Amino acid sequence: MSQIHTYKVLALVIYRDEKKLVTTNIVRAKDKKDAKKQIERKYMKLPEASEVIINEELDIIQLV
């Protein structure tokens, strides 16, 4: 059984009109890849979002 961890994820959201938004999110996930997928899904649901950039090595921190 996999254990759930808490991650802090920094994401850069780029909108179709070239505006940029940097956001910090706290998520519960199995691993860093799952945390990244959750945030990408969350922001790509926005109709005006064109891209979500998350560096898995630097932008995802496991909280204790």
N, C-alpha and C. Protein backbone atom coordinates (compact mmCIF):
# COMPACT_ATOMS: atom_id res chain seq x y z
N MET A 1 0.85 -1.18 0.00
CA MET A 1 0.00 0.00 0.00
C MET A 1 0.89 1.25 0.00
N SER A 2 0.65 2.15 -0.92
CA SER A 2 1.48 3.34 -1.02
C SER A 2 1.05 4.39 0.00
N GLN A 3 2.03 5.12 0.47
CA GLN A 3 1.80 6.12 1.49
C GLN A 3 1.56 7.48 0.83
N ILE A 4 0.65 8.27 1.40
CA ILE A 4 0.34 9.60 0.88
C ILE A 4 1.22 10.62 1.62
N HIS A 5 1.82 11.53 0.87
CA HIS A 5 2.67 12.58 1.43
C HIS A 5 2.07 13.94 1.09
N THR A 6 2.53 14.96 1.78
CA THR A 6 2.10 16.33 1.50
C THR A 6 3.24 17.03 0.76
N TYR A 7 2.90 17.70 -0.34
CA TYR A 7 3.89 18.40 -1.16
C TYR A 7 3.50 19.86 -1.34
N LYS A 8 4.51 20.70 -1.40
CA LYS A 8 4.33 22.11 -1.75
C LYS A 8 4.81 22.23 -3.20
N VAL A 9 3.94 22.73 -4.08
CA VAL A 9 4.24 22.76 -5.51
C VAL A 9 4.20 24.21 -6.01
N LEU A 10 5.29 24.65 -6.61
CA LEU A 10 5.37 25.96 -7.24
C LEU A 10 5.10 25.77 -8.73
N ALA A 11 4.14 26.54 -9.25
CA ALA A 11 3.77 26.38 -10.67
C ALA A 11 3.73 27.73 -11.36
N LEU A 12 4.15 27.75 -12.62
CA LEU A 12 4.03 28.92 -13.48
C LEU A 12 2.92 28.63 -14.48
N VAL A 13 1.86 29.44 -14.45
CA VAL A 13 0.74 29.27 -15.37
C VAL A 13 0.85 30.37 -16.41
N ILE A 14 0.87 29.98 -17.69
CA ILE A 14 0.93 30.94 -18.78
C ILE A 14 -0.43 30.95 -19.47
N TYR A 15 -1.01 32.14 -19.58
CA TYR A 15 -2.32 32.29 -20.20
C TYR A 15 -2.19 32.61 -21.68
N ARG A 16 -3.28 32.43 -22.41
CA ARG A 16 -3.28 32.65 -23.87
C ARG A 16 -2.91 34.09 -24.24
N ASP A 17 -3.24 35.05 -23.38
CA ASP A 17 -2.92 36.45 -23.67
C ASP A 17 -1.52 36.83 -23.16
N GLU A 18 -0.67 35.80 -22.90
CA GLU A 18 0.73 35.95 -22.48
C GLU A 18 0.90 36.43 -21.04
N LYS A 19 -0.19 36.55 -20.27
CA LYS A 19 -0.05 36.86 -18.85
C LYS A 19 0.52 35.64 -18.15
N LYS A 20 1.24 35.89 -17.07
CA LYS A 20 1.86 34.79 -16.32
C LYS A 20 1.44 34.88 -14.86
N LEU A 21 1.25 33.73 -14.24
CA LEU A 21 0.87 33.65 -12.84
C LEU A 21 1.75 32.61 -12.16
N VAL A 22 2.41 33.01 -11.08
CA VAL A 22 3.18 32.06 -10.28
C VAL A 22 2.35 31.76 -9.05
N THR A 23 2.16 30.47 -8.78
CA THR A 23 1.30 30.07 -7.68
C THR A 23 1.95 28.96 -6.86
N THR A 24 1.66 28.95 -5.57
CA THR A 24 2.14 27.90 -4.68
C THR A 24 0.93 27.12 -4.19
N ASN A 25 1.00 25.81 -4.25
CA ASN A 25 -0.11 24.95 -3.87
C ASN A 25 0.38 23.87 -2.91
N ILE A 26 -0.49 23.45 -2.01
CA ILE A 26 -0.22 22.33 -1.11
C ILE A 26 -1.13 21.19 -1.54
N VAL A 27 -0.56 20.03 -1.86
CA VAL A 27 -1.35 18.88 -2.29
C VAL A 27 -0.91 17.63 -1.55
N ARG A 28 -1.82 16.67 -1.48
CA ARG A 28 -1.51 15.35 -0.92
C ARG A 28 -1.45 14.39 -2.10
N ALA A 29 -0.32 13.67 -2.20
CA ALA A 29 -0.11 12.78 -3.34
C ALA A 29 0.82 11.64 -2.95
N LYS A 30 0.85 10.61 -3.83
CA LYS A 30 1.71 9.44 -3.61
C LYS A 30 3.18 9.79 -3.80
N ASP A 31 3.46 10.60 -4.84
CA ASP A 31 4.84 10.96 -5.15
C ASP A 31 4.86 12.29 -5.89
N LYS A 32 6.07 12.74 -6.29
CA LYS A 32 6.20 14.03 -6.96
C LYS A 32 5.47 14.07 -8.29
N LYS A 33 5.51 12.97 -9.04
CA LYS A 33 4.83 12.93 -10.34
C LYS A 33 3.33 13.11 -10.18
N ASP A 34 2.76 12.46 -9.17
CA ASP A 34 1.32 12.58 -8.91
C ASP A 34 0.97 14.00 -8.49
N ALA A 35 1.80 14.62 -7.67
CA ALA A 35 1.57 16.01 -7.24
C ALA A 35 1.59 16.94 -8.45
N LYS A 36 2.56 16.73 -9.35
CA LYS A 36 2.66 17.55 -10.56
C LYS A 36 1.42 17.39 -11.44
N LYS A 37 0.95 16.15 -11.61
CA LYS A 37 -0.24 15.89 -12.43
C LYS A 37 -1.47 16.59 -11.86
N GLN A 38 -1.61 16.56 -10.53
CA GLN A 38 -2.77 17.19 -9.89
C GLN A 38 -2.81 18.69 -10.18
N ILE A 39 -1.67 19.35 -10.06
CA ILE A 39 -1.62 20.80 -10.29
C ILE A 39 -1.82 21.11 -11.78
N GLU A 40 -1.22 20.33 -12.66
CA GLU A 40 -1.41 20.54 -14.10
C GLU A 40 -2.88 20.41 -14.47
N ARG A 41 -3.54 19.37 -13.95
CA ARG A 41 -4.98 19.18 -14.22
C ARG A 41 -5.79 20.36 -13.71
N LYS A 42 -5.47 20.82 -12.50
CA LYS A 42 -6.21 21.92 -11.88
C LYS A 42 -6.17 23.18 -12.74
N TYR A 43 -4.99 23.56 -13.21
CA TYR A 43 -4.86 24.81 -13.95
C TYR A 43 -5.19 24.68 -15.43
N MET A 44 -5.02 23.51 -16.02
CA MET A 44 -5.37 23.35 -17.44
C MET A 44 -6.88 23.29 -17.64
N LYS A 45 -7.65 23.14 -16.57
CA LYS A 45 -9.11 23.21 -16.67
C LYS A 45 -9.57 24.63 -16.98
N LEU A 46 -8.74 25.62 -16.63
CA LEU A 46 -9.10 27.01 -16.90
C LEU A 46 -9.09 27.23 -18.41
N PRO A 47 -10.15 27.80 -18.96
CA PRO A 47 -10.22 27.96 -20.42
C PRO A 47 -9.16 28.89 -20.99
N GLU A 48 -8.69 29.86 -20.21
CA GLU A 48 -7.70 30.81 -20.73
C GLU A 48 -6.25 30.37 -20.52
N ALA A 49 -6.03 29.26 -19.81
CA ALA A 49 -4.66 28.77 -19.57
C ALA A 49 -4.14 28.03 -20.80
N SER A 50 -2.89 28.29 -21.16
CA SER A 50 -2.32 27.60 -22.31
C SER A 50 -1.21 26.63 -21.91
N GLU A 51 -0.55 26.90 -20.76
CA GLU A 51 0.57 26.04 -20.36
C GLU A 51 0.79 26.15 -18.85
N VAL A 52 1.19 25.04 -18.24
CA VAL A 52 1.56 25.01 -16.83
C VAL A 52 2.97 24.44 -16.76
N ILE A 53 3.88 25.19 -16.17
CA ILE A 53 5.27 24.76 -16.09
C ILE A 53 5.63 24.47 -14.63
N ILE A 54 6.08 23.23 -14.40
CA ILE A 54 6.52 22.80 -13.07
C ILE A 54 7.79 21.99 -13.25
N ASN A 55 8.87 22.42 -12.62
CA ASN A 55 10.11 21.66 -12.65
C ASN A 55 10.05 20.66 -11.49
N GLU A 56 9.95 19.39 -11.82
CA GLU A 56 9.75 18.34 -10.82
C GLU A 56 10.89 18.29 -9.79
N GLU A 57 12.10 18.61 -10.21
CA GLU A 57 13.26 18.54 -9.31
C GLU A 57 13.32 19.71 -8.33
N LEU A 58 12.96 20.91 -8.79
CA LEU A 58 13.13 22.11 -7.97
C LEU A 58 11.84 22.65 -7.37
N ASP A 59 10.73 22.49 -8.06
CA ASP A 59 9.49 23.16 -7.67
C ASP A 59 8.55 22.33 -6.82
N ILE A 60 8.91 21.10 -6.52
CA ILE A 60 8.06 20.24 -5.70
C ILE A 60 8.86 19.83 -4.46
N ILE A 61 8.35 20.21 -3.30
CA ILE A 61 9.04 19.95 -2.03
C ILE A 61 8.13 19.11 -1.15
N GLN A 62 8.66 18.01 -0.64
CA GLN A 62 7.89 17.18 0.29
C GLN A 62 7.94 17.81 1.67
N LEU A 63 6.76 18.04 2.25
CA LEU A 63 6.68 18.61 3.59
C LEU A 63 6.70 17.51 4.63
N VAL A 64 7.25 17.81 5.77
CA VAL A 64 7.35 16.81 6.84
C VAL A 64 6.19 16.97 7.80
